[in-house]
Every structure is written in structure tokens, then in C-alpha cells.
């Protein structure tokens, strides 16, 4: 009876192939485990409403959101702040306005105080209220702006801008309502770029260009951070 012969190079190749497959499976399992522990909050929208109100001779736009805030991580986490934002671009790195000072209530109407602790994968039904000041602020223009509905009867319009929720966790991570990581620092830098315009108009471009460099560096660091965050690292 003849036994098959094995070339040492073939044996070594097979071992390397098995090791590569094993290593790949181990990497996939590791990343999957890290993704489950990735810190993340999202908002399941149920309804919202808004109305103009006057208090103490100031005009406000009272915003109310109803929905479920969910901790999408296998680790406990806490929300320390819920704010609102109107995004200025699709990448959601700039904003037209943003604010905080929300009043948070549970489904029974009881006011909750931050930090609000969430167990792994826990969702809480919450009511989130804001009083957006309109008097003397640019929010008036954002609230009143309307856009024509395509193909609809002339005169029929909807609000041009949408006020959305953002959430800050105990470690300072900012999430939009879909659960994606965002950067408050990057938004702030875009906001303060306007402060350099006076020097630019006066013939000194250095503050303007230095500010742009800070925006570029901050944006690069944030994209790097978000890449590792998506891998659960």
C-alpha cells in the first residue's frame, strides 16, 4: 500500500493558510465584541410639536419631543445633557444654531435630573422640552423660514429647518439622534470663524488662516476618532 508523500513546503503553506483563516475569524469576533460595547445613544422619534409663547416680555418657541432614548451599548452609560441643533451641512460638522437647557420628563411626566443612567441596551420613553428664545436672536429667522413643497399647490410650504436632538454622555461624547458620533468642538470652531472676519477685512489674514488650520486639524482628529469608535475601539 502506497502512502501519499507530502512536500514540506506544501505542509507549511497549509499551516499558514489555516493560521490566516483562524486569525481572520478571531479579528472579526474581536471587532464584533468591541462594536457591542461601543458607547452610543439614539432616539426613536414618536412625535414633536412647537408653538410660539411670550413670557416676561420675551418671545420663545416651545419645542416638545416624545420618543425613546436608547443606550445601544452592552455597557451601562449615562446621559448628562440633551440639546437641540439645526445642521448646516450634510456631514453634520457645522450648525446654524444649537442649544441646551432642556427639561426632561419620563412617561409619567416626572422631571428627571441628569445624569440619567441607562443599563445595557436599555430604552427610556422620554419627553424633552426646550424654550428657544426668539427675541433678539437668529432663531427667529430659522423658525419662520419656510420652503415650498415640490409639486404642491402654490402657497403650501413646510419649515425650512429642522431642530434635531443631540445627546452628550458621561464621557463627553456627542451623538445625533441617529446615534452617530459628532463633534461639538468642530461645530464651535465653525461658529467662531466669523470672529476673524474683522481682522481679515482690516488686511490681516493671519487670524483667519490660523482658525482654518485649527478647523482642519480638529476635523482630521475627529474623523480618526470616529473611525476607531465605529470599530468599537
C-alpha atoms as a PDB file:
ATOM      1  CA  UNK A   1       0.000   0.000   0.000  1.00  0.00           C
ATOM      2  CA  UNK A   2       1.418   3.344  -1.058  1.00  0.00           C
ATOM      3  CA  UNK A   3       1.164   6.311   1.305  1.00  0.00           C
ATOM      4  CA  UNK A   4       0.877   9.847  -0.057  1.00  0.00           C
ATOM      5  CA  UNK A   5       4.004  11.912   0.114  1.00  0.00           C
ATOM      6  CA  UNK A   6       3.944  15.440   1.433  1.00  0.00           C
ATOM      7  CA  UNK A   7       6.175  18.245   0.338  1.00  0.00           C
ATOM      8  CA  UNK A   8       7.393  20.242   3.382  1.00  0.00           C
ATOM      9  CA  UNK A   9       6.636  23.475   1.522  1.00  0.00           C
ATOM     10  CA  UNK A  10       3.032  22.354   0.943  1.00  0.00           C
ATOM     11  CA  UNK A  11       2.617  21.468   4.622  1.00  0.00           C
ATOM     12  CA  UNK A  12       3.970  24.857   5.681  1.00  0.00           C
ATOM     13  CA  UNK A  13       1.668  26.622   3.171  1.00  0.00           C
ATOM     14  CA  UNK A  14      -1.371  24.770   4.565  1.00  0.00           C
ATOM     15  CA  UNK A  15      -0.411  25.703   8.123  1.00  0.00           C
ATOM     16  CA  UNK A  16      -0.105  29.351   7.143  1.00  0.00           C
ATOM     17  CA  UNK A  17      -3.482  29.237   5.375  1.00  0.00           C
ATOM     18  CA  UNK A  18      -5.167  27.702   8.419  1.00  0.00           C
ATOM     19  CA  UNK A  19      -3.476  30.265  10.660  1.00  0.00           C
ATOM     20  CA  UNK A  20      -4.580  33.119   8.422  1.00  0.00           C
ATOM     21  CA  UNK A  21      -8.208  31.949   8.426  1.00  0.00           C
ATOM     22  CA  UNK A  22      -8.114  31.454  12.188  1.00  0.00           C
ATOM     23  CA  UNK A  23      -6.599  34.909  12.670  1.00  0.00           C
ATOM     24  CA  UNK A  24      -9.206  36.490  10.401  1.00  0.00           C
ATOM     25  CA  UNK A  25     -12.066  34.811  12.281  1.00  0.00           C
ATOM     26  CA  UNK A  26     -10.542  35.913  15.576  1.00  0.00           C
ATOM     27  CA  UNK A  27     -10.269  39.501  14.304  1.00  0.00           C
ATOM     28  CA  UNK A  28     -13.913  39.502  13.154  1.00  0.00           C
ATOM     29  CA  UNK A  29     -15.036  38.143  16.531  1.00  0.00           C
ATOM     30  CA  UNK A  30     -12.943  40.713  18.409  1.00  0.00           C
ATOM     31  CA  UNK A  31     -14.284  43.641  16.381  1.00  0.00           C
ATOM     32  CA  UNK A  32     -17.853  42.342  16.765  1.00  0.00           C
ATOM     33  CA  UNK A  33     -17.384  42.177  20.546  1.00  0.00           C
ATOM     34  CA  UNK A  34     -15.989  45.710  20.630  1.00  0.00           C
ATOM     35  CA  UNK A  35     -18.847  47.050  18.489  1.00  0.00           C
ATOM     36  CA  UNK A  36     -21.354  45.688  21.004  1.00  0.00           C
ATOM     37  CA  UNK A  37     -19.647  47.646  23.784  1.00  0.00           C
ATOM     38  CA  UNK A  38     -19.337  50.825  21.678  1.00  0.00           C
ATOM     39  CA  UNK A  39     -20.873  53.762  23.540  1.00  0.00           C
ATOM     40  CA  UNK A  40     -23.860  55.075  21.621  1.00  0.00           C
ATOM     41  CA  UNK A  41     -27.250  56.718  22.229  1.00  0.00           C
ATOM     42  CA  UNK A  42     -30.050  57.028  19.672  1.00  0.00           C
ATOM     43  CA  UNK A  43     -33.554  58.488  19.652  1.00  0.00           C
ATOM     44  CA  UNK A  44     -36.661  56.698  18.431  1.00  0.00           C
ATOM     45  CA  UNK A  45     -38.887  59.577  17.341  1.00  0.00           C
ATOM     46  CA  UNK A  46     -42.613  59.390  18.191  1.00  0.00           C
ATOM     47  CA  UNK A  47     -43.893  62.953  17.846  1.00  0.00           C
ATOM     48  CA  UNK A  48     -42.924  66.598  18.184  1.00  0.00           C
ATOM     49  CA  UNK A  49     -44.662  69.950  18.407  1.00  0.00           C
ATOM     50  CA  UNK A  50     -43.774  73.601  18.602  1.00  0.00           C
ATOM     51  CA  UNK A  51     -45.550  76.850  19.383  1.00  0.00           C
ATOM     52  CA  UNK A  52     -44.669  80.488  19.965  1.00  0.00           C
ATOM     53  CA  UNK A  53     -45.211  81.790  23.501  1.00  0.00           C
ATOM     54  CA  UNK A  54     -44.464  85.050  25.326  1.00  0.00           C
ATOM     55  CA  UNK A  55     -43.066  85.106  28.861  1.00  0.00           C
ATOM     56  CA  UNK A  56     -41.606  88.110  30.719  1.00  0.00           C
ATOM     57  CA  UNK A  57     -41.861  90.228  27.556  1.00  0.00           C
ATOM     58  CA  UNK A  58     -39.693  87.748  25.677  1.00  0.00           C
ATOM     59  CA  UNK A  59     -40.838  85.580  22.799  1.00  0.00           C
ATOM     60  CA  UNK A  60     -39.992  81.875  22.845  1.00  0.00           C
ATOM     61  CA  UNK A  61     -40.563  78.896  20.613  1.00  0.00           C
ATOM     62  CA  UNK A  62     -41.525  75.986  22.850  1.00  0.00           C
ATOM     63  CA  UNK A  63     -40.334  72.691  21.374  1.00  0.00           C
ATOM     64  CA  UNK A  64     -41.538  69.319  22.643  1.00  0.00           C
ATOM     65  CA  UNK A  65     -40.227  65.894  21.616  1.00  0.00           C
ATOM     66  CA  UNK A  66     -41.657  62.498  22.543  1.00  0.00           C
ATOM     67  CA  UNK A  67     -39.748  59.290  21.909  1.00  0.00           C
ATOM     68  CA  UNK A  68     -37.476  56.604  23.230  1.00  0.00           C
ATOM     69  CA  UNK A  69     -33.853  57.262  24.052  1.00  0.00           C
ATOM     70  CA  UNK A  70     -31.860  54.030  23.829  1.00  0.00           C
ATOM     71  CA  UNK A  71     -28.450  53.009  25.059  1.00  0.00           C
ATOM     72  CA  UNK A  72     -27.220  50.861  22.166  1.00  0.00           C
ATOM     73  CA  UNK A  73     -24.194  49.533  24.040  1.00  0.00           C
ATOM     74  CA  UNK A  74     -23.747  46.321  26.016  1.00  0.00           C
ATOM     75  CA  UNK A  75     -22.189  48.514  28.732  1.00  0.00           C
ATOM     76  CA  UNK A  76     -24.063  50.895  31.077  1.00  0.00           C
ATOM     77  CA  UNK A  77     -23.831  54.591  30.235  1.00  0.00           C
ATOM     78  CA  UNK A  78     -25.326  57.901  31.319  1.00  0.00           C
ATOM     79  CA  UNK A  79     -26.692  60.950  29.542  1.00  0.00           C
ATOM     80  CA  UNK A  80     -25.549  64.212  31.079  1.00  0.00           C
ATOM     81  CA  UNK A  81     -27.115  66.606  28.565  1.00  0.00           C
ATOM     82  CA  UNK A  82     -29.722  66.701  25.795  1.00  0.00           C
ATOM     83  CA  UNK A  83     -29.588  69.590  23.352  1.00  0.00           C
ATOM     84  CA  UNK A  84     -31.001  70.737  20.032  1.00  0.00           C
ATOM     85  CA  UNK A  85     -29.251  71.575  16.782  1.00  0.00           C
ATOM     86  CA  UNK A  86     -30.034  72.724  13.249  1.00  0.00           C
ATOM     87  CA  UNK A  87     -27.391  71.215  10.999  1.00  0.00           C
ATOM     88  CA  UNK A  88     -25.813  73.414   8.331  1.00  0.00           C
ATOM     89  CA  UNK A  89     -24.385  70.657   6.124  1.00  0.00           C
ATOM     90  CA  UNK A  90     -24.972  67.009   5.281  1.00  0.00           C
ATOM     91  CA  UNK A  91     -21.764  65.940   7.026  1.00  0.00           C
ATOM     92  CA  UNK A  92     -23.173  67.414  10.267  1.00  0.00           C
ATOM     93  CA  UNK A  93     -19.947  69.168  11.172  1.00  0.00           C
ATOM     94  CA  UNK A  94     -21.489  72.667  11.187  1.00  0.00           C
ATOM     95  CA  UNK A  95     -24.658  74.041  12.712  1.00  0.00           C
ATOM     96  CA  UNK A  96     -26.919  77.024  12.128  1.00  0.00           C
ATOM     97  CA  UNK A  97     -27.889  77.002  15.802  1.00  0.00           C
ATOM     98  CA  UNK A  98     -27.572  74.763  18.821  1.00  0.00           C
ATOM     99  CA  UNK A  99     -28.568  74.962  22.454  1.00  0.00           C
ATOM    100  CA  UNK A 100     -29.157  73.067  25.661  1.00  0.00           C
ATOM    101  CA  UNK A 101     -31.208  73.725  28.832  1.00  0.00           C
ATOM    102  CA  UNK A 102     -33.763  71.009  28.166  1.00  0.00           C
ATOM    103  CA  UNK A 103     -36.433  69.859  30.597  1.00  0.00           C
ATOM    104  CA  UNK A 104     -36.556  66.053  30.590  1.00  0.00           C
ATOM    105  CA  UNK A 105     -39.549  64.079  31.833  1.00  0.00           C
ATOM    106  CA  UNK A 106     -40.373  60.386  31.979  1.00  0.00           C
ATOM    107  CA  UNK A 107     -43.559  58.867  30.503  1.00  0.00           C
ATOM    108  CA  UNK A 108     -45.401  59.770  33.713  1.00  0.00           C
ATOM    109  CA  UNK A 109     -44.482  63.467  33.490  1.00  0.00           C
ATOM    110  CA  UNK A 110     -41.948  63.349  36.331  1.00  0.00           C
ATOM    111  CA  UNK A 111     -38.983  65.676  35.769  1.00  0.00           C
ATOM    112  CA  UNK A 112     -35.667  63.804  35.541  1.00  0.00           C
ATOM    113  CA  UNK A 113     -32.320  65.268  36.507  1.00  0.00           C
ATOM    114  CA  UNK A 114     -29.056  64.444  34.785  1.00  0.00           C
ATOM    115  CA  UNK A 115     -27.066  62.299  34.720  1.00  0.00           C
ATOM    116  CA  UNK A 116     -29.662  59.751  33.617  1.00  0.00           C
ATOM    117  CA  UNK A 117     -28.309  56.221  33.994  1.00  0.00           C
ATOM    118  CA  UNK A 118     -29.035  53.612  31.300  1.00  0.00           C
ATOM    119  CA  UNK A 119     -28.459  49.889  31.705  1.00  0.00           C
ATOM    120  CA  UNK A 120     -27.045  47.913  28.735  1.00  0.00           C
ATOM    121  CA  UNK A 121     -29.393  48.156  25.715  1.00  0.00           C
ATOM    122  CA  UNK A 122     -32.000  49.958  27.840  1.00  0.00           C
ATOM    123  CA  UNK A 123     -34.517  52.342  26.294  1.00  0.00           C
ATOM    124  CA  UNK A 124     -36.425  55.029  28.184  1.00  0.00           C
ATOM    125  CA  UNK A 125     -39.557  56.795  26.938  1.00  0.00           C
ATOM    126  CA  UNK A 126     -38.911  60.485  27.494  1.00  0.00           C
ATOM    127  CA  UNK A 127     -40.464  63.881  26.868  1.00  0.00           C
ATOM    128  CA  UNK A 128     -37.864  66.541  26.075  1.00  0.00           C
ATOM    129  CA  UNK A 129     -38.839  70.227  26.156  1.00  0.00           C
ATOM    130  CA  UNK A 130     -36.916  73.315  25.052  1.00  0.00           C
ATOM    131  CA  UNK A 131     -37.711  77.014  25.280  1.00  0.00           C
ATOM    132  CA  UNK A 132     -35.838  78.536  22.310  1.00  0.00           C
ATOM    133  CA  UNK A 133     -35.583  82.303  22.739  1.00  0.00           C
ATOM    134  CA  UNK A 134     -36.623  84.223  19.604  1.00  0.00           C
ATOM    135  CA  UNK A 135     -36.326  87.787  20.855  1.00  0.00           C
ATOM    136  CA  UNK A 136     -33.104  89.313  19.554  1.00  0.00           C
ATOM    137  CA  UNK A 137     -31.729  86.014  18.257  1.00  0.00           C
ATOM    138  CA  UNK A 138     -31.189  84.452  14.839  1.00  0.00           C
ATOM    139  CA  UNK A 139     -33.506  81.604  15.855  1.00  0.00           C
ATOM    140  CA  UNK A 140     -36.459  83.761  14.819  1.00  0.00           C
ATOM    141  CA  UNK A 141     -35.348  83.655  11.182  1.00  0.00           C
ATOM    142  CA  UNK A 142     -34.716  79.908  11.349  1.00  0.00           C
ATOM    143  CA  UNK A 143     -38.108  79.191  12.904  1.00  0.00           C
ATOM    144  CA  UNK A 144     -40.038  81.388  10.467  1.00  0.00           C
ATOM    145  CA  UNK A 145     -38.215  80.211   7.316  1.00  0.00           C
ATOM    146  CA  UNK A 146     -40.440  78.112   5.032  1.00  0.00           C
ATOM    147  CA  UNK A 147     -39.865  76.153   1.846  1.00  0.00           C
ATOM    148  CA  UNK A 148     -42.330  75.346  -0.927  1.00  0.00           C
ATOM    149  CA  UNK A 149     -43.436  71.719  -1.168  1.00  0.00           C
ATOM    150  CA  UNK A 150     -42.360  70.413  -4.618  1.00  0.00           C
ATOM    151  CA  UNK A 151     -45.377  69.754  -6.817  1.00  0.00           C
ATOM    152  CA  UNK A 152     -47.840  71.062  -4.228  1.00  0.00           C
ATOM    153  CA  UNK A 153     -50.360  73.847  -4.601  1.00  0.00           C
ATOM    154  CA  UNK A 154     -48.670  77.285  -4.573  1.00  0.00           C
ATOM    155  CA  UNK A 155     -48.590  78.640  -1.038  1.00  0.00           C
ATOM    156  CA  UNK A 156     -48.266  75.241   0.625  1.00  0.00           C
ATOM    157  CA  UNK A 157     -44.969  75.079   2.498  1.00  0.00           C
ATOM    158  CA  UNK A 158     -43.164  73.347   5.312  1.00  0.00           C
ATOM    159  CA  UNK A 159     -40.499  74.553   7.780  1.00  0.00           C
ATOM    160  CA  UNK A 160     -37.182  75.000   6.009  1.00  0.00           C
ATOM    161  CA  UNK A 161     -35.097  73.999   9.009  1.00  0.00           C
ATOM    162  CA  UNK A 162     -35.423  71.060  11.351  1.00  0.00           C
ATOM    163  CA  UNK A 163     -34.484  71.234  15.008  1.00  0.00           C
ATOM    164  CA  UNK A 164     -32.965  67.868  15.934  1.00  0.00           C
ATOM    165  CA  UNK A 165     -31.803  66.332  19.191  1.00  0.00           C
ATOM    166  CA  UNK A 166     -28.232  65.642  20.276  1.00  0.00           C
ATOM    167  CA  UNK A 167     -27.072  63.714  23.333  1.00  0.00           C
ATOM    168  CA  UNK A 168     -23.929  64.010  25.451  1.00  0.00           C
ATOM    169  CA  UNK A 169     -22.842  61.014  27.503  1.00  0.00           C
ATOM    170  CA  UNK A 170     -20.876  60.861  30.756  1.00  0.00           C
ATOM    171  CA  UNK A 171     -17.548  60.846  28.862  1.00  0.00           C
ATOM    172  CA  UNK A 172     -18.364  63.909  26.760  1.00  0.00           C
ATOM    173  CA  UNK A 173     -19.241  62.076  23.543  1.00  0.00           C
ATOM    174  CA  UNK A 174     -21.818  63.878  21.407  1.00  0.00           C
ATOM    175  CA  UNK A 175     -24.364  61.842  19.421  1.00  0.00           C
ATOM    176  CA  UNK A 176     -27.005  62.934  16.942  1.00  0.00           C
ATOM    177  CA  UNK A 177     -30.487  61.384  17.083  1.00  0.00           C
ATOM    178  CA  UNK A 178     -29.404  58.514  14.804  1.00  0.00           C
ATOM    179  CA  UNK A 179     -26.638  57.518  17.205  1.00  0.00           C
ATOM    180  CA  UNK A 180     -23.720  58.799  15.098  1.00  0.00           C
ATOM    181  CA  UNK A 181     -20.753  60.430  16.813  1.00  0.00           C
ATOM    182  CA  UNK A 182     -20.464  64.199  16.294  1.00  0.00           C
ATOM    183  CA  UNK A 183     -18.016  66.903  17.398  1.00  0.00           C
ATOM    184  CA  UNK A 184     -19.112  69.882  19.479  1.00  0.00           C
ATOM    185  CA  UNK A 185     -15.607  71.334  19.270  1.00  0.00           C
ATOM    186  CA  UNK A 186     -15.708  71.289  15.478  1.00  0.00           C
ATOM    187  CA  UNK A 187     -19.124  72.987  15.466  1.00  0.00           C
ATOM    188  CA  UNK A 188     -17.815  75.659  17.870  1.00  0.00           C
ATOM    189  CA  UNK A 189     -14.789  76.358  15.669  1.00  0.00           C
ATOM    190  CA  UNK A 190     -17.002  76.906  12.615  1.00  0.00           C
ATOM    191  CA  UNK A 191     -19.173  79.242  14.695  1.00  0.00           C
ATOM    192  CA  UNK A 192     -16.226  81.355  15.859  1.00  0.00           C
ATOM    193  CA  UNK A 193     -14.652  81.608  12.391  1.00  0.00           C
ATOM    194  CA  UNK A 194     -16.727  84.760  11.913  1.00  0.00           C
ATOM    195  CA  UNK A 195     -14.758  86.425  14.725  1.00  0.00           C
ATOM    196  CA  UNK A 196     -11.729  86.581  12.429  1.00  0.00           C
ATOM    197  CA  UNK A 197     -13.526  88.446   9.644  1.00  0.00           C
ATOM    198  CA  UNK A 198     -12.794  91.885  11.112  1.00  0.00           C
ATOM    199  CA  UNK A 199      -9.041  91.267  11.027  1.00  0.00           C
ATOM    200  CA  UNK A 200      -9.357  89.818   7.532  1.00  0.00           C
ATOM    201  CA  UNK A 201     -11.173  92.905   6.276  1.00  0.00           C
ATOM    202  CA  UNK A 202      -8.561  95.062   8.007  1.00  0.00           C
ATOM    203  CA  UNK A 203      -5.806  93.468   5.949  1.00  0.00           C
ATOM    204  CA  UNK A 204      -4.584  90.898   8.482  1.00  0.00           C
ATOM    205  CA  UNK A 205      -5.379  87.395   7.192  1.00  0.00           C
ATOM    206  CA  UNK A 206      -3.343  85.504   9.822  1.00  0.00           C
ATOM    207  CA  UNK A 207      -6.155  85.001  12.409  1.00  0.00           C
ATOM    208  CA  UNK A 208      -8.461  83.762   9.645  1.00  0.00           C
ATOM    209  CA  UNK A 209      -5.955  81.259   8.221  1.00  0.00           C
ATOM    210  CA  UNK A 210      -4.871  80.122  11.682  1.00  0.00           C
ATOM    211  CA  UNK A 211      -8.504  79.442  12.528  1.00  0.00           C
ATOM    212  CA  UNK A 212      -8.949  77.448   9.317  1.00  0.00           C
ATOM    213  CA  UNK A 213      -5.900  75.364  10.248  1.00  0.00           C
ATOM    214  CA  UNK A 214      -7.464  74.611  13.650  1.00  0.00           C
ATOM    215  CA  UNK A 215     -10.689  73.568  11.900  1.00  0.00           C
ATOM    216  CA  UNK A 216      -8.738  71.277   9.549  1.00  0.00           C
ATOM    217  CA  UNK A 217      -6.716  69.655  12.355  1.00  0.00           C
ATOM    218  CA  UNK A 218      -9.773  69.236  14.585  1.00  0.00           C
ATOM    219  CA  UNK A 219     -11.750  67.742  11.697  1.00  0.00           C
ATOM    220  CA  UNK A 220      -8.953  65.289  10.905  1.00  0.00           C
ATOM    221  CA  UNK A 221      -8.622  64.200  14.527  1.00  0.00           C
ATOM    222  CA  UNK A 222     -12.382  63.799  14.824  1.00  0.00           C
ATOM    223  CA  UNK A 223     -12.615  61.650  11.689  1.00  0.00           C
ATOM    224  CA  UNK A 224      -9.813  59.472  13.066  1.00  0.00           C
ATOM    225  CA  UNK A 225     -11.555  59.190  16.409  1.00  0.00           C
ATOM    226  CA  UNK A 226     -14.865  58.332  14.722  1.00  0.00           C
ATOM    227  CA  UNK A 227     -13.192  55.637  12.620  1.00  0.00           C
ATOM    228  CA  UNK A 228     -11.911  53.844  15.726  1.00  0.00           C
ATOM    229  CA  UNK A 229     -15.220  54.446  17.505  1.00  0.00           C
ATOM    230  CA  UNK A 230     -17.064  52.655  14.689  1.00  0.00           C
ATOM    231  CA  UNK A 231     -14.775  49.684  15.261  1.00  0.00           C
ATOM    232  CA  UNK A 232     -15.585  49.809  18.962  1.00  0.00           C
ATOM    233  CA  UNK A 233     -12.060  50.870  19.898  1.00  0.00           C
END
